[in-house]
Structures are given as C-alpha cells and as structure tokens.
Amino acid sequence: MANDWKDRLGMVYSTDPNYKFEYDMEEEEITLPPEKQHLIVTLDRKQRKGKAVTLIKGFIGSTDDLKELGKYLKNKCGVGGTAKEGIILVQGDFRPKIQELLKGKGYKVKQSGG
C-alpha cells in the first residue's frame, strides 16, 4: 500500500506500540438467486440527447455479477452499454428482448413506463 497514509487521514495519533489501524473494508453484497430478484426494465431518454437507452434496475448482488449480467444482455442485443451502481444500461430500446432474456434466466421482470 503505497498510499497507506491517505486512508488514515482522520486518524488521531496513538502512543500504543501494539495499535493496528483497522481499515473500513466495504463488504461485497451477496447476490440473490434469480428467482428472488425483482428487476424493473425502463426506457430512458433524459440527458442523452434524445437517444433511447434501456435501464434495468433492482439488481441485488456483487458488482462482478452485475457486470456479468450486463455483458450477457449487451452481447445478446448486439449493442454497448454499462453496468454500475446496481443499474444496467443498454443502448437502444430493447425492452421486450431484455425481458425475455431475463425471464429465460429465471429473473422476475416488470416493465415500468410506456
């Protein structure tokens, strides 16, 4: 850890020679099985210069599993996108196709909006 001191900026000096600083490690969220996931598929055009994107919200799990599901959906739709902060973004309007793909994997899917 080259930048170890940056992680301890709010730390007060300790005179205890046996003191070890405990880092705040964020625990990775456990991924729920697909049957217990309730995903919401929406179409979004806001702040995207009028271009449509399909958003998949409600994923509960690790970022690796989220990115893996996002990669699967983008690959099947043949377009780009991103997966971060519990949201998968797929470029274009692929709501019906994505719903069928997610149902095929066992997820509970609901469409939101028009």
PDB file of N, CA and C in Angstrom:
ATOM      1  N   MET A   1       0.821  -1.170   0.000  1.00  0.00           N
ATOM      2  CA  MET A   1       0.000   0.000   0.000  1.00  0.00           C
ATOM      3  C   MET A   1       0.875   1.247   0.000  1.00  0.00           C
ATOM      4  N   ALA A   2       1.078   1.802  -1.141  1.00  0.00           N
ATOM      5  CA  ALA A   2       1.935   2.967  -1.261  1.00  0.00           C
ATOM      6  C   ALA A   2       1.291   4.202  -0.646  1.00  0.00           C
ATOM      7  N   ASN A   3      -0.021   4.329  -0.742  1.00  0.00           N
ATOM      8  CA  ASN A   3      -0.725   5.499  -0.230  1.00  0.00           C
ATOM      9  C   ASN A   3      -1.455   5.173   1.070  1.00  0.00           C
ATOM     10  N   ASP A   4      -0.806   4.418   1.933  1.00  0.00           N
ATOM     11  CA  ASP A   4      -1.402   3.986   3.189  1.00  0.00           C
ATOM     12  C   ASP A   4      -1.830   5.172   4.049  1.00  0.00           C
ATOM     13  N   TRP A   5      -1.057   6.228   4.081  1.00  0.00           N
ATOM     14  CA  TRP A   5      -1.356   7.382   4.929  1.00  0.00           C
ATOM     15  C   TRP A   5      -2.617   8.098   4.504  1.00  0.00           C
ATOM     16  N   LYS A   6      -2.999   8.024   3.215  1.00  0.00           N
ATOM     17  CA  LYS A   6      -4.208   8.695   2.738  1.00  0.00           C
ATOM     18  C   LYS A   6      -5.463   8.039   3.307  1.00  0.00           C
ATOM     19  N   ASP A   7      -5.390   6.743   3.563  1.00  0.00           N
ATOM     20  CA  ASP A   7      -6.537   6.036   4.128  1.00  0.00           C
ATOM     21  C   ASP A   7      -6.748   6.368   5.596  1.00  0.00           C
ATOM     22  N   ARG A   8      -5.708   6.927   6.238  1.00  0.00           N
ATOM     23  CA  ARG A   8      -5.770   7.214   7.665  1.00  0.00           C
ATOM     24  C   ARG A   8      -5.801   8.707   7.950  1.00  0.00           C
ATOM     25  N   LEU A   9      -6.263   9.533   7.052  1.00  0.00           N
ATOM     26  CA  LEU A   9      -6.204  10.987   7.233  1.00  0.00           C
ATOM     27  C   LEU A   9      -6.946  11.481   8.470  1.00  0.00           C
ATOM     28  N   GLY A  10      -8.059  10.873   8.838  1.00  0.00           N
ATOM     29  CA  GLY A  10      -8.821  11.309  10.002  1.00  0.00           C
ATOM     30  C   GLY A  10      -8.353  10.674  11.297  1.00  0.00           C
ATOM     31  N   MET A  11      -7.297   9.897  11.239  1.00  0.00           N
ATOM     32  CA  MET A  11      -6.798   9.153  12.389  1.00  0.00           C
ATOM     33  C   MET A  11      -6.038  10.062  13.343  1.00  0.00           C
ATOM     34  N   VAL A  12      -6.294   9.904  14.648  1.00  0.00           N
ATOM     35  CA  VAL A  12      -5.560  10.623  15.683  1.00  0.00           C
ATOM     36  C   VAL A  12      -4.368   9.760  16.094  1.00  0.00           C
ATOM     37  N   TYR A  13      -3.275  10.382  16.430  1.00  0.00           N
ATOM     38  CA  TYR A  13      -2.043   9.676  16.783  1.00  0.00           C
ATOM     39  C   TYR A  13      -2.266   8.788  18.007  1.00  0.00           C
ATOM     40  N   SER A  14      -1.701   7.583  17.991  1.00  0.00           N
ATOM     41  CA  SER A  14      -1.808   6.665  19.110  1.00  0.00           C
ATOM     42  C   SER A  14      -0.421   6.353  19.652  1.00  0.00           C
ATOM     43  N   THR A  15      -0.280   6.362  20.967  1.00  0.00           N
ATOM     44  CA  THR A  15       1.008   6.047  21.591  1.00  0.00           C
ATOM     45  C   THR A  15       1.158   4.570  21.904  1.00  0.00           C
ATOM     46  N   ASP A  16       0.111   3.793  21.685  1.00  0.00           N
ATOM     47  CA  ASP A  16       0.157   2.357  21.934  1.00  0.00           C
ATOM     48  C   ASP A  16       1.028   1.689  20.876  1.00  0.00           C
ATOM     49  N   PRO A  17       2.136   1.028  21.258  1.00  0.00           N
ATOM     50  CA  PRO A  17       3.008   0.407  20.248  1.00  0.00           C
ATOM     51  C   PRO A  17       2.378  -0.802  19.558  1.00  0.00           C
ATOM     52  N   ASN A  18       1.344  -1.385  20.135  1.00  0.00           N
ATOM     53  CA  ASN A  18       0.692  -2.557  19.541  1.00  0.00           C
ATOM     54  C   ASN A  18      -0.561  -2.199  18.748  1.00  0.00           C
ATOM     55  N   TYR A  19      -0.819  -0.904  18.576  1.00  0.00           N
ATOM     56  CA  TYR A  19      -2.036  -0.470  17.886  1.00  0.00           C
ATOM     57  C   TYR A  19      -1.923  -0.726  16.391  1.00  0.00           C
ATOM     58  N   LYS A  20      -2.962  -1.301  15.814  1.00  0.00           N
ATOM     59  CA  LYS A  20      -3.044  -1.534  14.363  1.00  0.00           C
ATOM     60  C   LYS A  20      -4.289  -0.828  13.853  1.00  0.00           C
ATOM     61  N   PHE A  21      -4.111  -0.004  12.847  1.00  0.00           N
ATOM     62  CA  PHE A  21      -5.240   0.709  12.258  1.00  0.00           C
ATOM     63  C   PHE A  21      -6.119  -0.269  11.498  1.00  0.00           C
ATOM     64  N   GLU A  22      -7.433  -0.206  11.717  1.00  0.00           N
ATOM     65  CA  GLU A  22      -8.382  -1.075  11.019  1.00  0.00           C
ATOM     66  C   GLU A  22      -9.008  -0.290   9.887  1.00  0.00           C
ATOM     67  N   TYR A  23      -8.826  -0.789   8.698  1.00  0.00           N
ATOM     68  CA  TYR A  23      -9.363  -0.133   7.513  1.00  0.00           C
ATOM     69  C   TYR A  23     -10.829  -0.476   7.349  1.00  0.00           C
ATOM     70  N   ASP A  24     -11.587   0.495   6.872  1.00  0.00           N
ATOM     71  CA  ASP A  24     -13.005   0.253   6.595  1.00  0.00           C
ATOM     72  C   ASP A  24     -13.111  -0.448   5.252  1.00  0.00           C
ATOM     73  N   MET A  25     -13.289  -1.742   5.302  1.00  0.00           N
ATOM     74  CA  MET A  25     -13.424  -2.521   4.076  1.00  0.00           C
ATOM     75  C   MET A  25     -14.916  -2.701   3.798  1.00  0.00           C
ATOM     76  N   GLU A  26     -15.318  -2.280   2.622  1.00  0.00           N
ATOM     77  CA  GLU A  26     -16.715  -2.452   2.249  1.00  0.00           C
ATOM     78  C   GLU A  26     -16.964  -3.914   1.921  1.00  0.00           C
ATOM     79  N   GLU A  27     -17.973  -4.469   2.551  1.00  0.00           N
ATOM     80  CA  GLU A  27     -18.295  -5.862   2.301  1.00  0.00           C
ATOM     81  C   GLU A  27     -19.060  -5.973   0.997  1.00  0.00           C
ATOM     82  N   GLU A  28     -18.685  -6.962   0.211  1.00  0.00           N
ATOM     83  CA  GLU A  28     -19.346  -7.213  -1.066  1.00  0.00           C
ATOM     84  C   GLU A  28     -20.722  -7.803  -0.779  1.00  0.00           C
ATOM     85  N   GLU A  29     -21.713  -7.281  -1.458  1.00  0.00           N
ATOM     86  CA  GLU A  29     -23.072  -7.738  -1.249  1.00  0.00           C
ATOM     87  C   GLU A  29     -23.243  -9.141  -1.828  1.00  0.00           C
ATOM     88  N   ILE A  30     -23.999  -9.968  -1.134  1.00  0.00           N
ATOM     89  CA  ILE A  30     -24.252 -11.329  -1.596  1.00  0.00           C
ATOM     90  C   ILE A  30     -25.321 -11.272  -2.680  1.00  0.00           C
ATOM     91  N   THR A  31     -25.070 -11.961  -3.779  1.00  0.00           N
ATOM     92  CA  THR A  31     -26.005 -11.968  -4.895  1.00  0.00           C
ATOM     93  C   THR A  31     -27.155 -12.915  -4.609  1.00  0.00           C
ATOM     94  N   LEU A  32     -28.357 -12.387  -4.699  1.00  0.00           N
ATOM     95  CA  LEU A  32     -29.548 -13.217  -4.520  1.00  0.00           C
ATOM     96  C   LEU A  32     -29.739 -14.098  -5.740  1.00  0.00           C
ATOM     97  N   PRO A  33     -30.365 -15.267  -5.569  1.00  0.00           N
ATOM     98  CA  PRO A  33     -30.650 -16.106  -6.737  1.00  0.00           C
ATOM     99  C   PRO A  33     -31.665 -15.410  -7.656  1.00  0.00           C
ATOM    100  N   PRO A  34     -31.658 -15.739  -8.946  1.00  0.00           N
ATOM    101  CA  PRO A  34     -32.550 -15.058  -9.898  1.00  0.00           C
ATOM    102  C   PRO A  34     -34.028 -15.108  -9.516  1.00  0.00           C
ATOM    103  N   GLU A  35     -34.477 -16.169  -8.869  1.00  0.00           N
ATOM    104  CA  GLU A  35     -35.898 -16.283  -8.514  1.00  0.00           C
ATOM    105  C   GLU A  35     -36.315 -15.230  -7.498  1.00  0.00           C
ATOM    106  N   LYS A  36     -35.363 -14.734  -6.703  1.00  0.00           N
ATOM    107  CA  LYS A  36     -35.680 -13.750  -5.664  1.00  0.00           C
ATOM    108  C   LYS A  36     -35.392 -12.315  -6.089  1.00  0.00           C
ATOM    109  N   GLN A  37     -34.908 -12.132  -7.300  1.00  0.00           N
ATOM    110  CA  GLN A  37     -34.606 -10.794  -7.817  1.00  0.00           C
ATOM    111  C   GLN A  37     -35.839 -10.232  -8.521  1.00  0.00           C
ATOM    112  N   HIS A  38     -36.148  -8.980  -8.256  1.00  0.00           N
ATOM    113  CA  HIS A  38     -37.255  -8.284  -8.913  1.00  0.00           C
ATOM    114  C   HIS A  38     -36.659  -7.133  -9.718  1.00  0.00           C
ATOM    115  N   LEU A  39     -36.503  -7.335 -11.017  1.00  0.00           N
ATOM    116  CA  LEU A  39     -35.873  -6.333 -11.872  1.00  0.00           C
ATOM    117  C   LEU A  39     -36.931  -5.494 -12.572  1.00  0.00           C
ATOM    118  N   ILE A  40     -36.614  -4.225 -12.777  1.00  0.00           N
ATOM    119  CA  ILE A  40     -37.516  -3.296 -13.451  1.00  0.00           C
ATOM    120  C   ILE A  40     -36.822  -2.809 -14.717  1.00  0.00           C
ATOM    121  N   VAL A  41     -37.502  -2.975 -15.859  1.00  0.00           N
ATOM    122  CA  VAL A  41     -36.956  -2.563 -17.151  1.00  0.00           C
ATOM    123  C   VAL A  41     -37.679  -1.291 -17.584  1.00  0.00           C
ATOM    124  N   THR A  42     -36.903  -0.232 -17.854  1.00  0.00           N
ATOM    125  CA  THR A  42     -37.483   1.038 -18.276  1.00  0.00           C
ATOM    126  C   THR A  42     -36.733   1.586 -19.482  1.00  0.00           C
ATOM    127  N   LEU A  43     -37.381   2.522 -20.152  1.00  0.00           N
ATOM    128  CA  LEU A  43     -36.762   3.233 -21.268  1.00  0.00           C
ATOM    129  C   LEU A  43     -36.465   4.644 -20.793  1.00  0.00           C
ATOM    130  N   ASP A  44     -35.269   5.132 -21.102  1.00  0.00           N
ATOM    131  CA  ASP A  44     -34.860   6.452 -20.626  1.00  0.00           C
ATOM    132  C   ASP A  44     -34.271   7.250 -21.777  1.00  0.00           C
ATOM    133  N   ARG A  45     -34.664   8.533 -21.852  1.00  0.00           N
ATOM    134  CA  ARG A  45     -34.120   9.436 -22.872  1.00  0.00           C
ATOM    135  C   ARG A  45     -33.546  10.705 -22.251  1.00  0.00           C
ATOM    136  N   LYS A  46     -33.636  10.835 -20.949  1.00  0.00           N
ATOM    137  CA  LYS A  46     -33.214  12.064 -20.275  1.00  0.00           C
ATOM    138  C   LYS A  46     -31.701  12.211 -20.295  1.00  0.00           C
ATOM    139  N   GLN A  47     -31.235  13.404 -20.582  1.00  0.00           N
ATOM    140  CA  GLN A  47     -29.827  13.774 -20.593  1.00  0.00           C
ATOM    141  C   GLN A  47     -28.996  12.899 -21.528  1.00  0.00           C
ATOM    142  N   ARG A  48     -29.620  12.429 -22.620  1.00  0.00           N
ATOM    143  CA  ARG A  48     -28.914  11.573 -23.564  1.00  0.00           C
ATOM    144  C   ARG A  48     -29.079  12.066 -24.997  1.00  0.00           C
ATOM    145  N   LYS A  49     -29.346  13.360 -25.149  1.00  0.00           N
ATOM    146  CA  LYS A  49     -29.515  13.990 -26.455  1.00  0.00           C
ATOM    147  C   LYS A  49     -30.579  13.289 -27.305  1.00  0.00           C
ATOM    148  N   GLY A  50     -31.659  12.840 -26.661  1.00  0.00           N
ATOM    149  CA  GLY A  50     -32.773  12.234 -27.360  1.00  0.00           C
ATOM    150  C   GLY A  50     -32.597  10.766 -27.702  1.00  0.00           C
ATOM    151  N   LYS A  51     -31.438  10.193 -27.417  1.00  0.00           N
ATOM    152  CA  LYS A  51     -31.208   8.780 -27.723  1.00  0.00           C
ATOM    153  C   LYS A  51     -31.772   7.922 -26.603  1.00  0.00           C
ATOM    154  N   ALA A  52     -32.385   6.818 -26.983  1.00  0.00           N
ATOM    155  CA  ALA A  52     -33.031   5.946 -26.018  1.00  0.00           C
ATOM    156  C   ALA A  52     -32.045   4.916 -25.468  1.00  0.00           C
ATOM    157  N   VAL A  53     -32.161   4.644 -24.179  1.00  0.00           N
ATOM    158  CA  VAL A  53     -31.413   3.572 -23.538  1.00  0.00           C
ATOM    159  C   VAL A  53     -32.379   2.760 -22.685  1.00  0.00           C
ATOM    160  N   THR A  54     -32.108   1.483 -22.563  1.00  0.00           N
ATOM    161  CA  THR A  54     -32.903   0.602 -21.726  1.00  0.00           C
ATOM    162  C   THR A  54     -32.185   0.443 -20.398  1.00  0.00           C
ATOM    163  N   LEU A  55     -32.902   0.733 -19.306  1.00  0.00           N
ATOM    164  CA  LEU A  55     -32.340   0.626 -17.964  1.00  0.00           C
ATOM    165  C   LEU A  55     -32.923  -0.588 -17.265  1.00  0.00           C
ATOM    166  N   ILE A  56     -32.080  -1.355 -16.609  1.00  0.00           N
ATOM    167  CA  ILE A  56     -32.509  -2.480 -15.791  1.00  0.00           C
ATOM    168  C   ILE A  56     -32.109  -2.149 -14.361  1.00  0.00           C
ATOM    169  N   LYS A  57     -33.105  -1.943 -13.491  1.00  0.00           N
ATOM    170  CA  LYS A  57     -32.866  -1.543 -12.105  1.00  0.00           C
ATOM    171  C   LYS A  57     -33.302  -2.659 -11.167  1.00  0.00           C
ATOM    172  N   GLY A  58     -32.788  -2.600  -9.941  1.00  0.00           N
ATOM    173  CA  GLY A  58     -33.239  -3.510  -8.895  1.00  0.00           C
ATOM    174  C   GLY A  58     -32.360  -4.721  -8.679  1.00  0.00           C
ATOM    175  N   PHE A  59     -31.202  -4.810  -9.330  1.00  0.00           N
ATOM    176  CA  PHE A  59     -30.320  -5.959  -9.144  1.00  0.00           C
ATOM    177  C   PHE A  59     -29.681  -5.877  -7.767  1.00  0.00           C
ATOM    178  N   ILE A  60     -29.736  -6.974  -7.028  1.00  0.00           N
ATOM    179  CA  ILE A  60     -29.127  -7.041  -5.703  1.00  0.00           C
ATOM    180  C   ILE A  60     -28.024  -8.081  -5.754  1.00  0.00           C
ATOM    181  N   GLY A  61     -26.788  -7.610  -5.595  1.00  0.00           N
ATOM    182  CA  GLY A  61     -25.669  -8.543  -5.625  1.00  0.00           C
ATOM    183  C   GLY A  61     -24.349  -7.852  -5.822  1.00  0.00           C
ATOM    184  N   SER A  62     -23.328  -8.643  -6.068  1.00  0.00           N
ATOM    185  CA  SER A  62     -21.974  -8.117  -6.215  1.00  0.00           C
ATOM    186  C   SER A  62     -21.819  -7.397  -7.549  1.00  0.00           C
ATOM    187  N   THR A  63     -20.836  -6.521  -7.615  1.00  0.00           N
ATOM    188  CA  THR A  63     -20.594  -5.777  -8.846  1.00  0.00           C
ATOM    189  C   THR A  63     -20.123  -6.705  -9.963  1.00  0.00           C
ATOM    190  N   ASP A  64     -19.402  -7.768  -9.610  1.00  0.00           N
ATOM    191  CA  ASP A  64     -18.956  -8.716 -10.633  1.00  0.00           C
ATOM    192  C   ASP A  64     -20.142  -9.421 -11.283  1.00  0.00           C
ATOM    193  N   ASP A  65     -21.121  -9.831 -10.472  1.00  0.00           N
ATOM    194  CA  ASP A  65     -22.315 -10.479 -11.019  1.00  0.00           C
ATOM    195  C   ASP A  65     -23.147  -9.504 -11.841  1.00  0.00           C
ATOM    196  N   LEU A  66     -23.203  -8.246 -11.402  1.00  0.00           N
ATOM    197  CA  LEU A  66     -23.921  -7.220 -12.154  1.00  0.00           C
ATOM    198  C   LEU A  66     -23.276  -7.012 -13.521  1.00  0.00           C
ATOM    199  N   LYS A  67     -21.957  -6.909 -13.548  1.00  0.00           N
ATOM    200  CA  LYS A  67     -21.249  -6.717 -14.812  1.00  0.00           C
ATOM    201  C   LYS A  67     -21.386  -7.934 -15.721  1.00  0.00           C
ATOM    202  N   GLU A  68     -21.406  -9.120 -15.130  1.00  0.00           N
ATOM    203  CA  GLU A  68     -21.573 -10.340 -15.918  1.00  0.00           C
ATOM    204  C   GLU A  68     -22.955 -10.383 -16.580  1.00  0.00           C
ATOM    205  N   LEU A  69     -23.999 -10.024 -15.833  1.00  0.00           N
ATOM    206  CA  LEU A  69     -25.349  -9.979 -16.393  1.00  0.00           C
ATOM    207  C   LEU A  69     -25.444  -8.889 -17.455  1.00  0.00           C
ATOM    208  N   GLY A  70     -24.835  -7.731 -17.201  1.00  0.00           N
ATOM    209  CA  GLY A  70     -24.822  -6.658 -18.186  1.00  0.00           C
ATOM    210  C   GLY A  70     -24.126  -7.066 -19.466  1.00  0.00           C
ATOM    211  N   LYS A  71     -23.026  -7.758 -19.338  1.00  0.00           N
ATOM    212  CA  LYS A  71     -22.280  -8.235 -20.511  1.00  0.00           C
ATOM    213  C   LYS A  71     -23.120  -9.221 -21.319  1.00  0.00           C
ATOM    214  N   TYR A  72     -23.822 -10.109 -20.617  1.00  0.00           N
ATOM    215  CA  TYR A  72     -24.695 -11.081 -21.286  1.00  0.00           C
ATOM    216  C   TYR A  72     -25.790 -10.364 -22.080  1.00  0.00           C
ATOM    217  N   LEU A  73     -26.448  -9.383 -21.459  1.00  0.00           N
ATOM    218  CA  LEU A  73     -27.538  -8.673 -22.128  1.00  0.00           C
ATOM    219  C   LEU A  73     -27.032  -7.856 -23.312  1.00  0.00           C
ATOM    220  N   LYS A  74     -25.910  -7.173 -23.139  1.00  0.00           N
ATOM    221  CA  LYS A  74     -25.346  -6.365 -24.233  1.00  0.00           C
ATOM    222  C   LYS A  74     -24.925  -7.261 -25.394  1.00  0.00           C
ATOM    223  N   ASN A  75     -24.374  -8.426 -25.078  1.00  0.00           N
ATOM    224  CA  ASN A  75     -23.941  -9.362 -26.108  1.00  0.00           C
ATOM    225  C   ASN A  75     -25.134  -9.887 -26.903  1.00  0.00           C
ATOM    226  N   LYS A  76     -26.206 -10.258 -26.212  1.00  0.00           N
ATOM    227  CA  LYS A  76     -27.400 -10.795 -26.883  1.00  0.00           C
ATOM    228  C   LYS A  76     -28.116  -9.734 -27.720  1.00  0.00           C
ATOM    229  N   CYS A  77     -28.030  -8.471 -27.290  1.00  0.00           N
ATOM    230  CA  CYS A  77     -28.673  -7.389 -28.047  1.00  0.00           C
ATOM    231  C   CYS A  77     -27.745  -6.826 -29.127  1.00  0.00           C
ATOM    232  N   GLY A  78     -26.463  -7.108 -29.024  1.00  0.00           N
ATOM    233  CA  GLY A  78     -25.510  -6.638 -30.017  1.00  0.00           C
ATOM    234  C   GLY A  78     -25.231  -5.146 -29.952  1.00  0.00           C
ATOM    235  N   VAL A  79     -25.283  -4.589 -28.749  1.00  0.00           N
ATOM    236  CA  VAL A  79     -25.059  -3.156 -28.574  1.00  0.00           C
ATOM    237  C   VAL A  79     -24.136  -2.924 -27.377  1.00  0.00           C
ATOM    238  N   GLY A  80     -23.810  -1.667 -27.137  1.00  0.00           N
ATOM    239  CA  GLY A  80     -22.977  -1.298 -26.000  1.00  0.00           C
ATOM    240  C   GLY A  80     -23.814  -0.936 -24.798  1.00  0.00           C
ATOM    241  N   GLY A  81     -23.121  -0.563 -23.742  1.00  0.00           N
ATOM    242  CA  GLY A  81     -23.800  -0.159 -22.524  1.00  0.00           C
ATOM    243  C   GLY A  81     -22.845  -0.202 -21.360  1.00  0.00           C
ATOM    244  N   THR A  82     -23.409  -0.159 -20.156  1.00  0.00           N
ATOM    245  CA  THR A  82     -22.598  -0.183 -18.950  1.00  0.00           C
ATOM    246  C   THR A  82     -23.386  -0.820 -17.810  1.00  0.00           C
ATOM    247  N   ALA A  83     -22.655  -1.224 -16.779  1.00  0.00           N
ATOM    248  CA  ALA A  83     -23.278  -1.803 -15.590  1.00  0.00           C
ATOM    249  C   ALA A  83     -22.547  -1.281 -14.365  1.00  0.00           C
ATOM    250  N   LYS A  84     -23.237  -0.459 -13.570  1.00  0.00           N
ATOM    251  CA  LYS A  84     -22.628   0.068 -12.351  1.00  0.00           C
ATOM    252  C   LYS A  84     -23.709   0.544 -11.399  1.00  0.00           C
ATOM    253  N   GLU A  85     -23.380   0.536 -10.119  1.00  0.00           N
ATOM    254  CA  GLU A  85     -24.264   1.028  -9.051  1.00  0.00           C
ATOM    255  C   GLU A  85     -25.644   0.381  -9.072  1.00  0.00           C
ATOM    256  N   GLY A  86     -25.708  -0.896  -9.375  1.00  0.00           N
ATOM    257  CA  GLY A  86     -26.975  -1.624  -9.362  1.00  0.00           C
ATOM    258  C   GLY A  86     -27.860  -1.393 -10.565  1.00  0.00           C
ATOM    259  N   ILE A  87     -27.362  -0.701 -11.581  1.00  0.00           N
ATOM    260  CA  ILE A  87     -28.140  -0.404 -12.781  1.00  0.00           C
ATOM    261  C   ILE A  87     -27.388  -0.891 -14.010  1.00  0.00           C
ATOM    262  N   ILE A  88     -28.104  -1.550 -14.910  1.00  0.00           N
ATOM    263  CA  ILE A  88     -27.536  -1.954 -16.191  1.00  0.00           C
ATOM    264  C   ILE A  88     -28.146  -1.059 -17.254  1.00  0.00           C
ATOM    265  N   LEU A  89     -27.307  -0.452 -18.075  1.00  0.00           N
ATOM    266  CA  LEU A  89     -27.740   0.451 -19.133  1.00  0.00           C
ATOM    267  C   LEU A  89     -27.369  -0.185 -20.469  1.00  0.00           C
ATOM    268  N   VAL A  90     -28.367  -0.400 -21.328  1.00  0.00           N
ATOM    269  CA  VAL A  90     -28.147  -0.968 -22.657  1.00  0.00           C
ATOM    270  C   VAL A  90     -28.581   0.070 -23.680  1.00  0.00           C
ATOM    271  N   GLN A  91     -27.710   0.372 -24.630  1.00  0.00           N
ATOM    272  CA  GLN A  91     -28.013   1.395 -25.626  1.00  0.00           C
ATOM    273  C   GLN A  91     -29.114   0.910 -26.563  1.00  0.00           C
ATOM    274  N   GLY A  92     -30.146   1.745 -26.730  1.00  0.00           N
ATOM    275  CA  GLY A  92     -31.258   1.420 -27.621  1.00  0.00           C
ATOM    276  C   GLY A  92     -32.470   0.931 -26.859  1.00  0.00           C
ATOM    277  N   ASP A  93     -33.584   0.776 -27.587  1.00  0.00           N
ATOM    278  CA  ASP A  93     -34.835   0.313 -26.989  1.00  0.00           C
ATOM    279  C   ASP A  93     -34.957  -1.192 -27.207  1.00  0.00           C
ATOM    280  N   PHE A  94     -34.568  -1.974 -26.200  1.00  0.00           N
ATOM    281  CA  PHE A  94     -34.605  -3.426 -26.270  1.00  0.00           C
ATOM    282  C   PHE A  94     -35.444  -4.012 -25.135  1.00  0.00           C
ATOM    283  N   ARG A  95     -36.467  -3.277 -24.699  1.00  0.00           N
ATOM    284  CA  ARG A  95     -37.254  -3.723 -23.548  1.00  0.00           C
ATOM    285  C   ARG A  95     -37.854  -5.118 -23.721  1.00  0.00           C
ATOM    286  N   PRO A  96     -38.571  -5.411 -24.825  1.00  0.00           N
ATOM    287  CA  PRO A  96     -39.167  -6.751 -24.928  1.00  0.00           C
ATOM    288  C   PRO A  96     -38.118  -7.864 -24.974  1.00  0.00           C
ATOM    289  N   LYS A  97     -37.037  -7.634 -25.709  1.00  0.00           N
ATOM    290  CA  LYS A  97     -35.993  -8.653 -25.828  1.00  0.00           C
ATOM    291  C   LYS A  97     -35.300  -8.893 -24.493  1.00  0.00           C
ATOM    292  N   ILE A  98     -35.005  -7.823 -23.778  1.00  0.00           N
ATOM    293  CA  ILE A  98     -34.334  -7.953 -22.488  1.00  0.00           C
ATOM    294  C   ILE A  98     -35.239  -8.641 -21.478  1.00  0.00           C
ATOM    295  N   GLN A  99     -36.539  -8.332 -21.516  1.00  0.00           N
ATOM    296  CA  GLN A  99     -37.472  -9.007 -20.610  1.00  0.00           C
ATOM    297  C   GLN A  99     -37.475 -10.505 -20.861  1.00  0.00           C
ATOM    298  N   GLU A 100     -37.495 -10.910 -22.111  1.00  0.00           N
ATOM    299  CA  GLU A 100     -37.498 -12.339 -22.440  1.00  0.00           C
ATOM    300  C   GLU A 100     -36.187 -13.005 -22.023  1.00  0.00           C
ATOM    301  N   LEU A 101     -35.063 -12.321 -22.235  1.00  0.00           N
ATOM    302  CA  LEU A 101     -33.765 -12.878 -21.844  1.00  0.00           C
ATOM    303  C   LEU A 101     -33.675 -13.057 -20.329  1.00  0.00           C
ATOM    304  N   LEU A 102     -34.158 -12.059 -19.586  1.00  0.00           N
ATOM    305  CA  LEU A 102     -34.111 -12.148 -18.127  1.00  0.00           C
ATOM    306  C   LEU A 102     -35.059 -13.216 -17.597  1.00  0.00           C
ATOM    307  N   LYS A 103     -36.245 -13.321 -18.194  1.00  0.00           N
ATOM    308  CA  LYS A 103     -37.188 -14.373 -17.782  1.00  0.00           C
ATOM    309  C   LYS A 103     -36.605 -15.751 -18.071  1.00  0.00           C
ATOM    310  N   GLY A 104     -35.884 -15.866 -19.183  1.00  0.00           N
ATOM    311  CA  GLY A 104     -35.239 -17.132 -19.528  1.00  0.00           C
ATOM    312  C   GLY A 104     -34.175 -17.533 -18.520  1.00  0.00           C
ATOM    313  N   LYS A 105     -33.564 -16.550 -17.871  1.00  0.00           N
ATOM    314  CA  LYS A 105     -32.557 -16.826 -16.839  1.00  0.00           C
ATOM    315  C   LYS A 105     -33.194 -17.018 -15.456  1.00  0.00           C
ATOM    316  N   GLY A 106     -34.507 -16.831 -15.346  1.00  0.00           N
ATOM    317  CA  GLY A 106     -35.211 -17.068 -14.093  1.00  0.00           C
ATOM    318  C   GLY A 106     -35.509 -15.829 -13.259  1.00  0.00           C
ATOM    319  N   TYR A 107     -35.233 -14.635 -13.780  1.00  0.00           N
ATOM    320  CA  TYR A 107     -35.493 -13.404 -13.035  1.00  0.00           C
ATOM    321  C   TYR A 107     -36.967 -13.027 -13.140  1.00  0.00           C
ATOM    322  N   LYS A 108     -37.475 -12.346 -12.104  1.00  0.00           N
ATOM    323  CA  LYS A 108     -38.819 -11.771 -12.146  1.00  0.00           C
ATOM    324  C   LYS A 108     -38.670 -10.370 -12.718  1.00  0.00           C
ATOM    325  N   VAL A 109     -39.330 -10.114 -13.839  1.00  0.00           N
ATOM    326  CA  VAL A 109     -39.143  -8.861 -14.561  1.00  0.00           C
ATOM    327  C   VAL A 109     -40.462  -8.128 -14.703  1.00  0.00           C
ATOM    328  N   LYS A 110     -40.396  -6.798 -14.525  1.00  0.00           N
ATOM    329  CA  LYS A 110     -41.569  -5.955 -14.705  1.00  0.00           C
ATOM    330  C   LYS A 110     -41.150  -4.756 -15.528  1.00  0.00           C
ATOM    331  N   GLN A 111     -42.014  -4.347 -16.477  1.00  0.00           N
ATOM    332  CA  GLN A 111     -41.734  -3.169 -17.287  1.00  0.00           C
ATOM    333  C   GLN A 111     -42.358  -1.951 -16.628  1.00  0.00           C
ATOM    334  N   SER A 112     -41.592  -0.879 -16.589  1.00  0.00           N
ATOM    335  CA  SER A 112     -42.071   0.358 -15.991  1.00  0.00           C
ATOM    336  C   SER A 112     -42.099   1.435 -17.060  1.00  0.00           C
ATOM    337  N   GLY A 113     -43.121   2.258 -17.044  1.00  0.00           N
ATOM    338  CA  GLY A 113     -43.247   3.334 -18.028  1.00  0.00           C
ATOM    339  C   GLY A 113     -43.881   2.846 -19.315  1.00  0.00           C
ATOM    340  N   GLY A 114     -43.984   3.757 -20.300  1.00  0.00           N
ATOM    341  CA  GLY A 114     -44.674   3.456 -21.557  1.00  0.00           C
ATOM    342  C   GLY A 114     -43.871   2.656 -22.436  1.00  0.00           C
TER     343      GLY A 114
END
